Amino acid sequence: MPSEKDIVHVVDDDEGLRESLAFLLRASGIEAETFASAIAFLDALPNAQPRCVITDVRMPEIGGMDLLRRLRELQVKVPVIVITGHADVPLAVEAMKAGAMDFLEKPFDDEALLASVRAALKWRNGEAKRDAERAVVDARLASLSNRERDVLNGLVAGRANKQIAYDLGISPRTVEIYRANLMDKMQAGSLSDLVRMALIAGILGSE
């Protein structure tokens, strides 16, 4: 299955609209796959890797709102664009709270839809990059010994070697050794690199 391509999954029980959306996307250079129901989409989800989902609010069995909630329960991070012929403010607010990235009322302008899709893909690709960076940093963190992790926490908290040594009850020279080791394991070229990775991992300033 594709893994890096920008594939938009169109979920709508209206065959005419479903195919016209797919045609519009493909004509704009964006790959599209279509599903006649939310159930069919969810069944395909384990093997599918959508970068964006377009779904109608009103569909048999599982509607767009329920699909949004199901994706959140499954912890699937994908931007969802909700389309409907029955737009109102409460429904739009509900959709956004459920995780929708955009809400478009039929009939919508082709360019408005494409702009929404492109924004969603840009966000998704950025999120995928951030996830990959976190995975790399987490793997490097896992290679640290407990004492190296203690020194790391001291460094990103802004403490000098002498203060870290005092806090840990070890010599400043020993702190320097641990620091050199953890910089090597984290593949950090500088303290600023280390701080950036700590931010990515969410450990900045942790004790």
C-alpha atoms as a PDB file:
ATOM      1  CA  MET A   1       0.000   0.000   0.000  1.00  0.00           C
ATOM      2  CA  PRO A   2       1.144   3.595  -0.566  1.00  0.00           C
ATOM      3  CA  SER A   3       2.816   5.092   2.462  1.00  0.00           C
ATOM      4  CA  GLU A   4       4.208   8.470   1.501  1.00  0.00           C
ATOM      5  CA  LYS A   5       1.756   9.634  -1.174  1.00  0.00           C
ATOM      6  CA  ASP A   6      -0.925  12.190  -0.424  1.00  0.00           C
ATOM      7  CA  ILE A   7      -4.093  10.111  -0.697  1.00  0.00           C
ATOM      8  CA  VAL A   8      -7.467  11.669   0.057  1.00  0.00           C
ATOM      9  CA  HIS A   9     -10.231   9.254   1.049  1.00  0.00           C
ATOM     10  CA  VAL A  10     -13.704  10.354   0.014  1.00  0.00           C
ATOM     11  CA  VAL A  11     -16.481   8.813   2.135  1.00  0.00           C
ATOM     12  CA  ASP A  12     -19.994   9.477   0.815  1.00  0.00           C
ATOM     13  CA  ASP A  13     -23.053   7.339   0.054  1.00  0.00           C
ATOM     14  CA  ASP A  14     -23.934   9.612  -2.891  1.00  0.00           C
ATOM     15  CA  GLU A  15     -22.154   7.937  -5.808  1.00  0.00           C
ATOM     16  CA  GLY A  16     -22.402  10.966  -8.082  1.00  0.00           C
ATOM     17  CA  LEU A  17     -20.879  13.339  -5.542  1.00  0.00           C
ATOM     18  CA  ARG A  18     -18.305  10.762  -4.489  1.00  0.00           C
ATOM     19  CA  GLU A  19     -17.035  10.266  -8.025  1.00  0.00           C
ATOM     20  CA  SER A  20     -17.141  13.964  -8.917  1.00  0.00           C
ATOM     21  CA  LEU A  21     -15.003  14.776  -5.853  1.00  0.00           C
ATOM     22  CA  ALA A  22     -12.537  12.047  -6.788  1.00  0.00           C
ATOM     23  CA  PHE A  23     -12.360  13.391 -10.354  1.00  0.00           C
ATOM     24  CA  LEU A  24     -11.768  16.940  -9.100  1.00  0.00           C
ATOM     25  CA  LEU A  25      -8.959  15.791  -6.827  1.00  0.00           C
ATOM     26  CA  ARG A  26      -7.274  13.630  -9.452  1.00  0.00           C
ATOM     27  CA  ALA A  27      -7.514  16.402 -12.028  1.00  0.00           C
ATOM     28  CA  SER A  28      -5.632  18.593  -9.544  1.00  0.00           C
ATOM     29  CA  GLY A  29      -2.874  16.032  -9.098  1.00  0.00           C
ATOM     30  CA  ILE A  30      -4.143  14.611  -5.799  1.00  0.00           C
ATOM     31  CA  GLU A  31      -4.706  10.872  -5.480  1.00  0.00           C
ATOM     32  CA  ALA A  32      -8.149   9.825  -4.278  1.00  0.00           C
ATOM     33  CA  GLU A  33      -9.864   6.665  -3.095  1.00  0.00           C
ATOM     34  CA  THR A  34     -13.612   6.431  -2.605  1.00  0.00           C
ATOM     35  CA  PHE A  35     -15.819   4.611  -0.119  1.00  0.00           C
ATOM     36  CA  ALA A  36     -19.608   4.281  -0.274  1.00  0.00           C
ATOM     37  CA  SER A  37     -19.950   4.153   3.510  1.00  0.00           C
ATOM     38  CA  ALA A  38     -18.113   4.894   6.727  1.00  0.00           C
ATOM     39  CA  ILE A  39     -18.185   1.172   7.516  1.00  0.00           C
ATOM     40  CA  ALA A  40     -16.337   0.365   4.271  1.00  0.00           C
ATOM     41  CA  PHE A  41     -13.777   3.046   5.074  1.00  0.00           C
ATOM     42  CA  LEU A  42     -13.239   1.815   8.639  1.00  0.00           C
ATOM     43  CA  ASP A  43     -12.888  -1.768   7.389  1.00  0.00           C
ATOM     44  CA  ALA A  44     -10.131  -0.632   5.021  1.00  0.00           C
ATOM     45  CA  LEU A  45      -8.430   1.580   7.605  1.00  0.00           C
ATOM     46  CA  PRO A  46      -5.931  -0.970   8.967  1.00  0.00           C
ATOM     47  CA  ASN A  47      -4.303  -1.193   5.515  1.00  0.00           C
ATOM     48  CA  ALA A  48      -5.114   2.299   4.292  1.00  0.00           C
ATOM     49  CA  GLN A  49      -3.006   5.328   5.141  1.00  0.00           C
ATOM     50  CA  PRO A  50      -5.121   8.372   4.349  1.00  0.00           C
ATOM     51  CA  ARG A  51      -3.566  11.802   4.551  1.00  0.00           C
ATOM     52  CA  CYS A  52      -6.989  13.470   4.485  1.00  0.00           C
ATOM     53  CA  VAL A  53     -10.620  12.346   4.692  1.00  0.00           C
ATOM     54  CA  ILE A  54     -13.634  14.038   3.124  1.00  0.00           C
ATOM     55  CA  THR A  55     -16.932  12.812   4.548  1.00  0.00           C
ATOM     56  CA  ASP A  56     -20.598  13.707   4.391  1.00  0.00           C
ATOM     57  CA  VAL A  57     -22.474  14.364   7.639  1.00  0.00           C
ATOM     58  CA  ARG A  58     -25.571  12.363   6.710  1.00  0.00           C
ATOM     59  CA  MET A  59     -24.952   8.768   5.703  1.00  0.00           C
ATOM     60  CA  PRO A  60     -26.689   5.462   6.543  1.00  0.00           C
ATOM     61  CA  GLU A  61     -25.558   3.556   9.652  1.00  0.00           C
ATOM     62  CA  ILE A  62     -22.506   5.642  10.502  1.00  0.00           C
ATOM     63  CA  GLY A  63     -22.687   9.343   9.676  1.00  0.00           C
ATOM     64  CA  GLY A  64     -19.859  11.823   9.419  1.00  0.00           C
ATOM     65  CA  MET A  65     -20.065  12.909  13.064  1.00  0.00           C
ATOM     66  CA  ASP A  66     -19.896   9.323  14.310  1.00  0.00           C
ATOM     67  CA  LEU A  67     -16.979   8.682  11.942  1.00  0.00           C
ATOM     68  CA  LEU A  68     -15.106  11.617  13.463  1.00  0.00           C
ATOM     69  CA  ARG A  69     -15.638  10.200  16.943  1.00  0.00           C
ATOM     70  CA  ARG A  70     -14.624   6.703  15.843  1.00  0.00           C
ATOM     71  CA  LEU A  71     -11.375   8.015  14.337  1.00  0.00           C
ATOM     72  CA  ARG A  72     -10.609   9.853  17.569  1.00  0.00           C
ATOM     73  CA  GLU A  73     -11.286   6.689  19.600  1.00  0.00           C
ATOM     74  CA  LEU A  74      -8.942   4.756  17.298  1.00  0.00           C
ATOM     75  CA  GLN A  75      -6.342   7.528  17.720  1.00  0.00           C
ATOM     76  CA  VAL A  76      -6.094   7.969  13.952  1.00  0.00           C
ATOM     77  CA  LYS A  77      -4.471  11.338  13.333  1.00  0.00           C
ATOM     78  CA  VAL A  78      -5.917  12.438  10.037  1.00  0.00           C
ATOM     79  CA  PRO A  79      -7.493  15.770   9.074  1.00  0.00           C
ATOM     80  CA  VAL A  80     -11.185  15.423   8.230  1.00  0.00           C
ATOM     81  CA  ILE A  81     -13.177  17.774   6.024  1.00  0.00           C
ATOM     82  CA  VAL A  82     -16.925  17.515   6.654  1.00  0.00           C
ATOM     83  CA  ILE A  83     -19.393  18.378   3.889  1.00  0.00           C
ATOM     84  CA  THR A  84     -23.141  18.736   4.267  1.00  0.00           C
ATOM     85  CA  GLY A  85     -26.238  20.055   2.597  1.00  0.00           C
ATOM     86  CA  HIS A  86     -27.765  20.923   5.955  1.00  0.00           C
ATOM     87  CA  ALA A  87     -25.226  23.278   7.483  1.00  0.00           C
ATOM     88  CA  ASP A  88     -25.977  25.279  10.574  1.00  0.00           C
ATOM     89  CA  VAL A  89     -23.790  26.870  13.225  1.00  0.00           C
ATOM     90  CA  PRO A  90     -24.403  24.297  16.007  1.00  0.00           C
ATOM     91  CA  LEU A  91     -23.592  21.437  13.639  1.00  0.00           C
ATOM     92  CA  ALA A  92     -20.412  23.153  12.452  1.00  0.00           C
ATOM     93  CA  VAL A  93     -19.325  23.760  16.056  1.00  0.00           C
ATOM     94  CA  GLU A  94     -20.070  20.134  16.947  1.00  0.00           C
ATOM     95  CA  ALA A  95     -18.028  18.925  13.978  1.00  0.00           C
ATOM     96  CA  MET A  96     -15.059  21.087  14.930  1.00  0.00           C
ATOM     97  CA  LYS A  97     -15.208  19.912  18.543  1.00  0.00           C
ATOM     98  CA  ALA A  98     -15.271  16.311  17.296  1.00  0.00           C
ATOM     99  CA  GLY A  99     -12.047  16.954  15.414  1.00  0.00           C
ATOM    100  CA  ALA A 100     -13.060  18.175  11.957  1.00  0.00           C
ATOM    101  CA  MET A 101     -10.500  20.435  10.306  1.00  0.00           C
ATOM    102  CA  ASP A 102     -13.013  22.151   8.025  1.00  0.00           C
ATOM    103  CA  PHE A 103     -16.756  22.262   7.395  1.00  0.00           C
ATOM    104  CA  LEU A 104     -18.141  22.955   3.912  1.00  0.00           C
ATOM    105  CA  GLU A 105     -21.756  23.463   2.920  1.00  0.00           C
ATOM    106  CA  LYS A 106     -23.102  22.139  -0.388  1.00  0.00           C
ATOM    107  CA  PRO A 107     -22.957  23.411  -3.009  1.00  0.00           C
ATOM    108  CA  PHE A 108     -19.352  24.387  -2.414  1.00  0.00           C
ATOM    109  CA  ASP A 109     -16.873  25.997  -4.765  1.00  0.00           C
ATOM    110  CA  ASP A 110     -14.319  23.596  -6.264  1.00  0.00           C
ATOM    111  CA  GLU A 111     -11.441  25.911  -5.408  1.00  0.00           C
ATOM    112  CA  ALA A 112     -12.660  26.233  -1.809  1.00  0.00           C
ATOM    113  CA  LEU A 113     -12.616  22.454  -1.449  1.00  0.00           C
ATOM    114  CA  LEU A 114      -9.182  22.128  -3.049  1.00  0.00           C
ATOM    115  CA  ALA A 115      -7.799  24.881  -0.810  1.00  0.00           C
ATOM    116  CA  SER A 116      -9.183  23.043   2.221  1.00  0.00           C
ATOM    117  CA  VAL A 117      -7.678  19.731   1.066  1.00  0.00           C
ATOM    118  CA  ARG A 118      -4.274  21.299   0.410  1.00  0.00           C
ATOM    119  CA  ALA A 119      -4.278  22.904   3.869  1.00  0.00           C
ATOM    120  CA  ALA A 120      -5.212  19.547   5.406  1.00  0.00           C
ATOM    121  CA  LEU A 121      -2.438  17.733   3.540  1.00  0.00           C
ATOM    122  CA  LYS A 122       0.100  20.362   4.566  1.00  0.00           C
ATOM    123  CA  TRP A 123      -0.924  19.944   8.202  1.00  0.00           C
ATOM    124  CA  ARG A 124      -0.900  16.133   7.975  1.00  0.00           C
ATOM    125  CA  ASN A 125       2.530  15.980   6.376  1.00  0.00           C
ATOM    126  CA  GLY A 126       3.899  18.297   9.049  1.00  0.00           C
ATOM    127  CA  GLU A 127       2.344  16.117  11.744  1.00  0.00           C
ATOM    128  CA  ALA A 128       3.816  12.984  10.162  1.00  0.00           C
ATOM    129  CA  LYS A 129       7.249  14.621  10.166  1.00  0.00           C
ATOM    130  CA  ARG A 130       6.864  15.574  13.834  1.00  0.00           C
ATOM    131  CA  ASP A 131       5.788  12.014  14.702  1.00  0.00           C
ATOM    132  CA  ALA A 132       8.868  10.635  12.933  1.00  0.00           C
ATOM    133  CA  GLU A 133      11.134  13.055  14.805  1.00  0.00           C
ATOM    134  CA  ARG A 134       9.576  12.065  18.135  1.00  0.00           C
ATOM    135  CA  ALA A 135      10.107   8.381  17.340  1.00  0.00           C
ATOM    136  CA  VAL A 136      13.795   8.973  16.607  1.00  0.00           C
ATOM    137  CA  VAL A 137      14.305  11.025  19.770  1.00  0.00           C
ATOM    138  CA  ASP A 138      12.423   8.475  21.906  1.00  0.00           C
ATOM    139  CA  ALA A 139      14.640   5.679  20.592  1.00  0.00           C
ATOM    140  CA  ARG A 140      17.755   7.661  21.482  1.00  0.00           C
ATOM    141  CA  LEU A 141      16.399   8.458  24.948  1.00  0.00           C
ATOM    142  CA  ALA A 142      15.738   4.762  25.540  1.00  0.00           C
ATOM    143  CA  SER A 143      19.452   4.069  25.014  1.00  0.00           C
ATOM    144  CA  LEU A 144      20.461   6.303  27.951  1.00  0.00           C
ATOM    145  CA  SER A 145      21.353   4.883  31.338  1.00  0.00           C
ATOM    146  CA  ASN A 146      19.438   6.168  34.377  1.00  0.00           C
ATOM    147  CA  ARG A 147      22.376   8.360  35.408  1.00  0.00           C
ATOM    148  CA  GLU A 148      22.766   9.760  31.878  1.00  0.00           C
ATOM    149  CA  ARG A 149      19.061  10.608  31.937  1.00  0.00           C
ATOM    150  CA  ASP A 150      19.559  12.385  35.295  1.00  0.00           C
ATOM    151  CA  VAL A 151      22.351  14.479  33.792  1.00  0.00           C
ATOM    152  CA  LEU A 152      20.203  15.193  30.728  1.00  0.00           C
ATOM    153  CA  ASN A 153      17.367  16.458  32.923  1.00  0.00           C
ATOM    154  CA  GLY A 154      19.817  18.747  34.716  1.00  0.00           C
ATOM    155  CA  LEU A 155      21.239  20.096  31.478  1.00  0.00           C
ATOM    156  CA  VAL A 156      17.900  20.907  29.868  1.00  0.00           C
ATOM    157  CA  ALA A 157      16.794  22.525  33.134  1.00  0.00           C
ATOM    158  CA  GLY A 158      19.690  24.955  32.628  1.00  0.00           C
ATOM    159  CA  ARG A 159      21.941  23.757  35.424  1.00  0.00           C
ATOM    160  CA  ALA A 160      25.736  23.962  35.269  1.00  0.00           C
ATOM    161  CA  ASN A 161      27.858  20.811  35.598  1.00  0.00           C
ATOM    162  CA  LYS A 162      28.822  21.718  39.171  1.00  0.00           C
ATOM    163  CA  GLN A 163      25.178  22.118  40.209  1.00  0.00           C
ATOM    164  CA  ILE A 164      24.230  18.810  38.563  1.00  0.00           C
ATOM    165  CA  ALA A 165      27.162  17.135  40.334  1.00  0.00           C
ATOM    166  CA  TYR A 166      26.025  18.556  43.689  1.00  0.00           C
ATOM    167  CA  ASP A 167      22.399  17.495  43.107  1.00  0.00           C
ATOM    168  CA  LEU A 168      23.422  13.944  42.148  1.00  0.00           C
ATOM    169  CA  GLY A 169      26.166  13.552  44.730  1.00  0.00           C
ATOM    170  CA  ILE A 170      28.876  12.883  42.159  1.00  0.00           C
ATOM    171  CA  SER A 171      31.977  14.758  40.993  1.00  0.00           C
ATOM    172  CA  PRO A 172      31.890  17.405  38.243  1.00  0.00           C
ATOM    173  CA  ARG A 173      34.336  15.268  36.281  1.00  0.00           C
ATOM    174  CA  THR A 174      31.897  12.344  36.386  1.00  0.00           C
ATOM    175  CA  VAL A 175      29.133  14.644  35.169  1.00  0.00           C
ATOM    176  CA  GLU A 176      31.348  15.617  32.227  1.00  0.00           C
ATOM    177  CA  ILE A 177      31.777  11.948  31.318  1.00  0.00           C
ATOM    178  CA  TYR A 178      28.043  11.265  31.501  1.00  0.00           C
ATOM    179  CA  ARG A 179      27.410  14.443  29.505  1.00  0.00           C
ATOM    180  CA  ALA A 180      29.805  13.371  26.749  1.00  0.00           C
ATOM    181  CA  ASN A 181      28.215   9.923  26.642  1.00  0.00           C
ATOM    182  CA  LEU A 182      24.649  11.206  26.420  1.00  0.00           C
ATOM    183  CA  MET A 183      25.551  13.806  23.784  1.00  0.00           C
ATOM    184  CA  ASP A 184      27.006  10.964  21.725  1.00  0.00           C
ATOM    185  CA  LYS A 185      23.999   8.686  22.226  1.00  0.00           C
ATOM    186  CA  MET A 186      21.540  11.493  21.472  1.00  0.00           C
ATOM    187  CA  GLN A 187      23.639  12.483  18.430  1.00  0.00           C
ATOM    188  CA  ALA A 188      23.548  16.082  19.624  1.00  0.00           C
ATOM    189  CA  GLY A 189      26.154  18.401  18.159  1.00  0.00           C
ATOM    190  CA  SER A 190      25.524  21.087  20.749  1.00  0.00           C
ATOM    191  CA  LEU A 191      23.541  21.859  23.888  1.00  0.00           C
ATOM    192  CA  SER A 192      20.949  23.627  21.741  1.00  0.00           C
ATOM    193  CA  ASP A 193      20.474  20.376  19.768  1.00  0.00           C
ATOM    194  CA  LEU A 194      19.918  18.572  23.048  1.00  0.00           C
ATOM    195  CA  VAL A 195      17.363  21.144  24.192  1.00  0.00           C
ATOM    196  CA  ARG A 196      15.527  20.907  20.859  1.00  0.00           C
ATOM    197  CA  MET A 197      15.282  17.117  21.225  1.00  0.00           C
ATOM    198  CA  ALA A 198      14.101  17.510  24.808  1.00  0.00           C
ATOM    199  CA  LEU A 199      11.334  19.801  23.555  1.00  0.00           C
ATOM    200  CA  ILE A 200      10.319  17.246  20.918  1.00  0.00           C
ATOM    201  CA  ALA A 201      10.191  14.503  23.558  1.00  0.00           C
ATOM    202  CA  GLY A 202       8.285  16.711  26.001  1.00  0.00           C
ATOM    203  CA  ILE A 203      10.865  16.374  28.791  1.00  0.00           C
ATOM    204  CA  LEU A 204      12.168  19.942  28.933  1.00  0.00           C
ATOM    205  CA  GLY A 205      12.706  20.924  32.492  1.00  0.00           C
ATOM    206  CA  SER A 206      11.601  17.554  33.893  1.00  0.00           C
ATOM    207  CA  GLU A 207      13.121  16.419  37.151  1.00  0.00           C
END
